[in-house]
Amino acid sequence: MSVRLSFDVYSCVRVYYRYADCKKCVEVCPVENTIILENDKIKVNYESCINCGACVGNCPTESFKIQGFDLVEFYTKFIEEDGNLISCKLNVPCLSALDESYLSAMCIEKQNDLVLDIKHCYNCSIGKQLDLIKANSEKANYILQSAGVDYRVKLEEIGYEREEKQENKRRAFLKMFVKQTASLAFWAVAEKLPIDEKEVGDKEFKNIVSEKVYPTKREILINALSKTDYEDKYFLVDKIDFSSDKWIDNYKCTNCSVCYNVCPTGALTPSDSKLKVLFSPSLCIKCRICHDVCPEKCIHLEEKLYISDFVSKKHKVLAEHVMIPCSECLVPFSYKGDTTVCPRCRQLEDELRDLLKIGD
């Protein structure tokens, strides 16, 4: 079977933690049962995929790709050319392929408002994407507002129509006759591409501790924001989905290493000495896996994310430890200044006391 969409399961956050909350690709896909969550894994039915690109642009780790529509190439070309219009009849398969990172970065780089042509959404057979387009636009505008940028993403009913050659018109008609989708107008005028049918199933399973994911759109957003006057400006963490800032309760943290071992992007990482837990908001995708796996539940979200911390790419210290050998078992543990007995031995002592009470 020839398909345009490909899914790299080894970039999905669920490779790092199968019970992760992220299922954005499932939520943004407009065709029922095309992208599903089955046994805690993402499954794709390529037969019913309409190549709209929503999963491509909205996946936080960029696990999806479409042949013939490279988002980075589109972004680079768009900011270099004149014009600020984006339409499914002009330059994208569907407006839903652009998330807040791309939309806000384009406004900043072009130093202009961005116009999304939504008129075709109303007659589109998968018109429910309009809600996603509006949501992404609102998120982008929050980023721009917080960064002190005057430009905005605007939704307008323009109804752009491309002047096509007769051959392309005939091809567009035939495709529309066979299958009505939001992306067909785009694909009707796209160059014919050789289809790469390589499967990713032959890959060896990745080492999640050493192999991390760094989405290209993160670099794009950071580069754009670095050109703004961002000093003392911040995002409210509960209003953004693309990153966060965190703090760790140092007294509860045991330096168990679970959080940074399963972090998909390396936003959490140990210091060279393994005695510090470091964090960089520039790498965080707010997947909350670290919160879920922390045995002590000592990782928390900050209220604000300062843009200076986001664009700096620096790691800050969230927790710092002094390791000493336990006076009972001699196994090193994080010393908190109150006892020289490790938590495991203390727990065993408590359990023995409970057993003795039961015996009495």
Protein backbone atom coordinates (compact mmCIF):
# COMPACT_ATOMS: atom_id res chain seq x y z
CA MET A 1 0.00 0.00 0.00
CA SER A 2 1.31 3.48 -0.89
CA VAL A 3 0.81 6.15 1.74
CA ARG A 4 2.06 9.68 2.34
CA LEU A 5 1.87 9.64 6.15
CA SER A 6 4.55 7.94 8.24
CA PHE A 7 4.72 7.47 12.00
CA ASP A 8 7.98 7.01 13.89
CA VAL A 9 6.88 5.15 17.00
CA TYR A 10 10.38 5.58 18.47
CA SER A 11 9.87 9.34 18.78
CA CYS A 12 6.49 9.01 20.52
CA VAL A 13 6.43 9.90 24.23
CA ARG A 14 4.75 6.57 24.91
CA VAL A 15 8.02 4.80 24.14
CA TYR A 16 9.42 6.51 27.23
CA TYR A 17 6.36 5.86 29.39
CA ARG A 18 3.50 3.75 28.04
CA TYR A 19 0.94 5.32 30.40
CA ALA A 20 1.70 8.90 29.35
CA ASP A 21 -1.32 11.19 29.11
CA CYS A 22 -0.37 12.45 25.65
CA LYS A 23 -2.76 11.40 22.90
CA LYS A 24 -2.83 14.64 20.94
CA CYS A 25 -2.56 12.86 17.59
CA VAL A 26 -5.72 10.90 18.41
CA GLU A 27 -7.54 14.06 19.45
CA VAL A 28 -6.62 16.15 16.39
CA CYS A 29 -7.21 13.49 13.73
CA PRO A 30 -10.51 14.34 11.97
CA VAL A 31 -11.19 10.83 10.66
CA GLU A 32 -12.59 8.36 13.15
CA ASN A 33 -10.48 5.26 13.88
CA THR A 34 -7.53 6.48 11.79
CA ILE A 35 -5.22 7.22 14.74
CA ILE A 36 -6.18 5.28 17.85
CA LEU A 37 -4.78 4.33 21.24
CA GLU A 38 -4.64 0.57 21.58
CA ASN A 39 -2.97 -1.21 24.51
CA ASP A 40 -1.36 2.11 25.47
CA LYS A 41 0.28 2.40 22.02
CA ILE A 42 -0.51 4.68 19.08
CA LYS A 43 -1.82 2.78 16.06
CA VAL A 44 -2.33 4.32 12.60
CA ASN A 45 -4.76 3.11 9.94
CA TYR A 46 -3.01 4.45 6.84
CA GLU A 47 -5.85 3.27 4.59
CA SER A 48 -8.26 5.88 5.97
CA CYS A 49 -5.70 8.70 6.40
CA ILE A 50 -6.56 11.82 4.39
CA ASN A 51 -3.13 13.49 4.80
CA CYS A 52 -4.45 16.68 6.37
CA GLY A 53 -1.27 17.04 8.45
CA ALA A 54 -2.95 17.78 11.79
CA CYS A 55 -1.00 15.03 13.53
CA VAL A 56 2.23 16.22 11.88
CA GLY A 57 2.03 19.75 13.22
CA ASN A 58 0.45 19.06 16.60
CA CYS A 59 2.54 16.11 17.80
CA PRO A 60 4.86 17.51 20.52
CA THR A 61 7.75 15.26 19.46
CA GLU A 62 7.12 15.41 15.69
CA SER A 63 6.59 11.66 15.35
CA PHE A 64 4.53 12.08 12.16
CA LYS A 65 5.66 13.16 8.69
CA ILE A 66 3.94 13.57 5.33
CA GLN A 67 5.83 13.11 2.10
CA GLY A 68 5.59 16.24 0.00
CA PHE A 69 4.84 18.59 2.88
CA ASP A 70 7.79 19.33 5.12
CA LEU A 71 6.74 21.81 7.81
CA VAL A 72 10.24 23.17 8.32
CA GLU A 73 10.71 23.75 4.59
CA PHE A 74 7.29 25.41 4.40
CA TYR A 75 8.11 27.63 7.38
CA THR A 76 11.49 28.67 5.97
CA LYS A 77 10.07 29.44 2.55
CA PHE A 78 7.07 31.29 3.98
CA ILE A 79 9.06 33.72 6.14
CA GLU A 80 11.41 34.46 3.25
CA GLU A 81 8.65 35.27 0.76
CA ASP A 82 6.28 38.22 0.64
CA GLY A 83 2.71 37.76 1.77
CA ASN A 84 1.06 36.68 5.00
CA LEU A 85 -1.79 34.45 3.78
CA ILE A 86 -2.03 30.76 4.59
CA SER A 87 -4.76 28.73 2.91
CA CYS A 88 -5.50 25.08 2.18
CA LYS A 89 -5.92 26.16 -1.45
CA LEU A 90 -2.51 27.84 -1.53
CA ASN A 91 0.31 26.46 0.58
CA VAL A 92 -0.77 23.91 3.24
CA PRO A 93 -2.84 20.70 3.11
CA CYS A 94 -4.92 22.00 6.04
CA LEU A 95 -4.58 24.93 8.44
CA SER A 96 -4.76 22.46 11.34
CA ALA A 97 -1.19 21.36 10.46
CA LEU A 98 0.15 24.54 12.11
CA ASP A 99 0.31 24.60 15.91
CA GLU A 100 0.99 27.59 18.16
CA SER A 101 4.78 27.24 17.86
CA TYR A 102 4.77 27.69 14.09
CA LEU A 103 2.01 30.31 14.04
CA SER A 104 3.57 32.59 16.65
CA ALA A 105 7.08 32.18 15.20
CA MET A 106 5.85 33.19 11.73
CA CYS A 107 4.27 36.37 13.10
CA ILE A 108 7.47 37.33 14.88
CA GLU A 109 9.78 36.52 11.97
CA LYS A 110 7.64 38.27 9.34
CA GLN A 111 6.86 41.18 11.69
CA ASN A 112 3.31 41.12 10.46
CA ASP A 113 -0.10 39.71 11.23
CA LEU A 114 -0.69 36.19 9.94
CA VAL A 115 -3.93 35.58 8.05
CA LEU A 116 -5.50 32.12 8.04
CA ASP A 117 -8.12 31.65 5.33
CA ILE A 118 -10.92 29.71 7.05
CA LYS A 119 -13.69 30.18 4.49
CA HIS A 120 -13.10 26.75 2.96
CA CYS A 121 -13.43 25.14 6.42
CA TYR A 122 -17.20 25.65 6.39
CA ASN A 123 -17.72 23.56 3.25
CA CYS A 124 -15.03 21.02 4.11
CA SER A 125 -16.20 17.46 4.73
CA ILE A 126 -14.03 17.41 7.87
CA GLY A 127 -14.98 20.91 9.02
CA LYS A 128 -14.54 20.04 12.68
CA GLN A 129 -10.90 21.05 12.21
CA LEU A 130 -12.05 24.65 12.50
CA ASP A 131 -12.19 24.25 16.28
CA LEU A 132 -8.57 23.05 16.32
CA ILE A 133 -7.50 25.91 14.03
CA LYS A 134 -9.17 28.43 16.32
CA ALA A 135 -7.62 26.86 19.42
CA ASN A 136 -4.11 26.89 17.94
CA SER A 137 -4.58 30.52 16.87
CA GLU A 138 -5.65 31.53 20.37
CA LYS A 139 -2.62 29.76 21.88
CA ALA A 140 -0.33 31.50 19.39
CA ASN A 141 -1.84 34.88 20.19
CA TYR A 142 -1.30 34.26 23.91
CA ILE A 143 2.39 33.60 23.20
CA LEU A 144 2.63 36.81 21.14
CA GLN A 145 0.79 38.87 23.75
CA SER A 146 2.93 37.54 26.60
CA ALA A 147 6.11 38.26 24.63
CA GLY A 148 5.00 41.84 24.01
CA VAL A 149 4.61 41.35 20.26
CA ASP A 150 1.96 43.47 18.53
CA TYR A 151 1.27 41.08 15.64
CA ARG A 152 -1.51 38.50 15.79
CA VAL A 153 -2.84 35.42 14.05
CA LYS A 154 -6.12 36.38 12.40
CA LEU A 155 -8.85 34.15 11.02
CA GLU A 156 -10.51 35.58 7.92
CA GLU A 157 -13.03 34.22 5.40
CA ILE A 158 -11.10 35.03 2.23
CA GLY A 159 -11.89 31.99 0.10
CA TYR A 160 -8.64 31.97 -1.87
CA GLU A 161 -8.80 30.06 -5.17
CA ARG A 162 -5.70 29.07 -7.11
CA GLU A 163 -5.51 29.67 -10.85
CA GLU A 164 -4.74 26.19 -12.08
CA LYS A 165 -3.77 24.72 -15.41
CA GLN A 166 -6.44 22.67 -17.08
CA GLU A 167 -4.59 19.44 -16.33
CA ASN A 168 -4.45 20.28 -12.63
CA LYS A 169 -8.14 21.19 -12.63
CA ARG A 170 -8.99 17.80 -14.09
CA ARG A 171 -6.78 16.05 -11.53
CA ALA A 172 -8.37 18.05 -8.70
CA PHE A 173 -11.84 17.13 -9.93
CA LEU A 174 -11.01 13.42 -10.09
CA LYS A 175 -9.51 13.43 -6.62
CA MET A 176 -12.46 15.30 -5.19
CA PHE A 177 -14.81 12.86 -6.87
CA VAL A 178 -13.03 9.89 -5.32
CA LYS A 179 -12.50 11.28 -1.84
CA GLN A 180 -13.60 14.56 -0.26
CA THR A 181 -11.00 15.81 2.22
CA ALA A 182 -9.60 19.09 3.48
CA SER A 183 -6.17 18.40 2.04
CA LEU A 184 -7.12 17.43 -1.51
CA ALA A 185 -6.93 20.93 -2.96
CA PHE A 186 -3.36 21.12 -1.74
CA TRP A 187 -2.37 17.67 -2.95
CA ALA A 188 -4.05 18.22 -6.32
CA VAL A 189 -1.40 20.76 -7.27
CA ALA A 190 1.51 19.17 -5.41
CA GLU A 191 4.30 17.55 -7.38
CA LYS A 192 4.00 13.82 -7.86
CA LEU A 193 6.36 12.16 -5.39
CA PRO A 194 7.97 8.76 -5.20
CA ILE A 195 6.49 6.97 -2.22
CA ASP A 196 8.87 5.61 0.35
CA GLU A 197 7.26 2.52 1.75
CA LYS A 198 9.96 1.74 4.28
CA GLU A 199 8.61 0.59 7.59
CA VAL A 200 10.12 1.71 10.88
CA GLY A 201 9.41 -1.69 12.37
CA ASP A 202 12.91 -2.94 11.52
CA LYS A 203 14.52 -0.46 13.91
CA GLU A 204 16.00 -1.67 17.14
CA PHE A 205 14.10 -0.48 20.20
CA LYS A 206 15.63 2.78 21.38
CA ASN A 207 17.52 3.29 24.62
CA ILE A 208 15.23 5.77 26.36
CA VAL A 209 17.89 6.79 28.88
CA SER A 210 20.40 7.99 26.28
CA GLU A 211 18.29 8.71 23.17
CA LYS A 212 16.15 11.80 23.60
CA VAL A 213 13.88 13.73 21.24
CA TYR A 214 14.36 17.38 20.28
CA PRO A 215 11.52 18.72 18.10
CA THR A 216 12.61 21.15 15.39
CA LYS A 217 9.66 23.44 16.05
CA ARG A 218 11.10 24.10 19.52
CA GLU A 219 14.24 25.57 17.95
CA ILE A 220 12.06 27.61 15.59
CA LEU A 221 10.03 29.09 18.46
CA ILE A 222 13.11 29.82 20.59
CA ASN A 223 14.87 31.55 17.70
CA ALA A 224 11.81 33.71 17.08
CA LEU A 225 11.27 34.65 20.72
CA SER A 226 14.96 35.50 21.12
CA LYS A 227 14.36 38.39 18.71
CA THR A 228 11.73 39.98 20.98
CA ASP A 229 12.14 42.22 24.00
CA TYR A 230 11.40 39.37 26.41
CA GLU A 231 13.09 40.60 29.59
CA ASP A 232 10.80 40.27 32.64
CA LYS A 233 8.05 38.77 30.47
CA TYR A 234 6.52 35.40 31.21
CA PHE A 235 3.87 32.81 30.35
CA LEU A 236 1.40 31.54 32.91
CA VAL A 237 2.15 27.82 32.95
CA ASP A 238 -1.49 26.74 33.17
CA LYS A 239 -2.19 28.66 29.92
CA ILE A 240 0.46 27.02 27.75
CA ASP A 241 0.83 23.46 26.44
CA PHE A 242 4.26 23.59 24.80
CA SER A 243 6.48 23.89 27.90
CA SER A 244 6.54 24.53 31.65
CA ASP A 245 8.72 25.45 34.57
CA LYS A 246 9.12 23.17 37.58
CA TRP A 247 10.32 22.91 41.15
CA ILE A 248 11.22 19.87 43.26
CA ASP A 249 10.64 19.40 46.98
CA ASN A 250 14.29 18.70 47.82
CA TYR A 251 13.47 17.12 51.19
CA LYS A 252 11.18 14.51 49.61
CA CYS A 253 13.40 13.84 46.58
CA THR A 254 15.49 10.67 47.01
CA ASN A 255 17.64 11.09 43.88
CA CYS A 256 16.17 7.86 42.51
CA SER A 257 16.85 9.03 38.89
CA VAL A 258 13.52 7.80 37.49
CA CYS A 259 12.33 11.26 36.38
CA TYR A 260 15.27 12.14 34.17
CA ASN A 261 15.69 8.62 32.81
CA VAL A 262 12.20 8.65 31.28
CA CYS A 263 12.07 12.33 30.27
CA PRO A 264 11.54 12.18 26.46
CA THR A 265 13.51 15.32 25.62
CA GLY A 266 16.19 15.51 28.29
CA ALA A 267 14.57 18.54 29.91
CA LEU A 268 15.33 16.79 33.19
CA THR A 269 18.88 15.52 33.44
CA PRO A 270 21.46 14.68 36.12
CA SER A 271 24.62 16.65 36.76
CA ASP A 272 27.96 15.03 35.98
CA SER A 273 28.27 14.01 39.62
CA LYS A 274 24.71 12.57 39.65
CA LEU A 275 24.10 14.61 42.81
CA LYS A 276 21.89 17.25 41.17
CA VAL A 277 18.66 17.11 39.18
CA LEU A 278 18.76 19.76 36.45
CA PHE A 279 15.93 21.16 34.34
CA SER A 280 15.66 23.24 31.16
CA PRO A 281 12.27 24.72 30.12
CA SER A 282 13.61 25.05 26.57
CA LEU A 283 13.42 21.25 26.27
CA CYS A 284 10.23 20.58 28.24
CA ILE A 285 7.10 19.59 26.26
CA LYS A 286 4.83 19.49 29.33
CA CYS A 287 4.07 15.79 28.91
CA ARG A 288 4.02 15.43 32.73
CA ILE A 289 5.65 12.01 32.61
CA CYS A 290 8.10 13.05 35.33
CA HIS A 291 5.17 13.96 37.60
CA ASP A 292 3.52 10.59 36.96
CA VAL A 293 6.57 8.39 37.59
CA CYS A 294 8.02 10.24 40.60
CA PRO A 295 7.66 7.80 43.57
CA GLU A 296 7.60 10.63 46.10
CA LYS A 297 5.37 12.96 44.04
CA CYS A 298 7.80 15.78 44.74
CA ILE A 299 7.87 17.39 41.26
CA HIS A 300 5.59 20.41 40.86
CA LEU A 301 4.76 23.04 38.24
CA GLU A 302 5.77 26.64 38.76
CA GLU A 303 3.11 29.29 38.28
CA LYS A 304 5.13 31.21 35.68
CA LEU A 305 7.62 30.43 32.94
CA TYR A 306 9.88 33.41 32.25
CA ILE A 307 10.67 33.75 28.57
CA SER A 308 14.32 34.45 29.42
CA ASP A 309 14.56 30.99 31.03
CA PHE A 310 12.86 29.42 28.01
CA VAL A 311 15.13 30.94 25.34
CA SER A 312 18.39 30.64 27.31
CA LYS A 313 18.55 26.83 26.88
CA LYS A 314 20.27 26.66 30.26
CA HIS A 315 19.64 23.98 32.88
CA LYS A 316 18.89 25.10 36.42
CA VAL A 317 19.24 23.05 39.61
CA LEU A 318 15.93 21.66 40.87
CA ALA A 319 17.33 19.36 43.56
CA GLU A 320 20.75 18.86 45.14
CA HIS A 321 21.85 15.88 47.20
CA VAL A 322 24.49 14.76 49.65
CA MET A 323 24.87 10.99 49.46
CA ILE A 324 26.06 9.03 52.54
CA PRO A 325 26.12 5.29 53.31
CA CYS A 326 23.24 4.05 55.45
CA SER A 327 24.39 3.22 58.99
CA GLU A 328 22.36 0.00 58.82
CA CYS A 329 22.76 -1.44 55.30
CA LEU A 330 25.67 0.71 54.02
CA VAL A 331 23.78 1.49 50.79
CA PRO A 332 24.22 5.20 49.81
CA PHE A 333 21.15 7.42 50.15
CA SER A 334 20.27 11.12 50.04
CA TYR A 335 21.09 12.57 53.43
CA LYS A 336 18.59 15.17 54.69
CA GLY A 337 20.34 16.05 57.94
CA ASP A 338 17.92 14.24 60.25
CA THR A 339 18.93 10.57 60.21
CA THR A 340 21.76 8.36 58.98
CA VAL A 341 19.38 5.47 58.28
CA CYS A 342 18.12 5.17 54.70
CA PRO A 343 14.37 5.28 53.89
CA ARG A 344 14.34 1.57 53.02
CA CYS A 345 15.74 0.54 56.42
CA ARG A 346 13.38 2.95 58.20
CA GLN A 347 10.47 1.40 56.37
CA LEU A 348 11.60 -2.08 57.39
CA GLU A 349 11.85 -0.95 61.01
CA ASP A 350 8.30 0.44 60.86
CA GLU A 351 7.01 -2.80 59.36
CA LEU A 352 8.71 -4.84 62.10
CA ARG A 353 7.16 -2.66 64.80
CA ASP A 354 3.72 -3.19 63.23
CA LEU A 355 4.28 -6.95 63.21
CA LEU A 356 5.30 -6.90 66.87
CA LYS A 357 2.15 -4.94 67.75
CA ILE A 358 0.05 -7.53 65.96
CA GLY A 359 1.83 -10.28 67.92
CA ASP A 360 1.02 -8.55 71.21
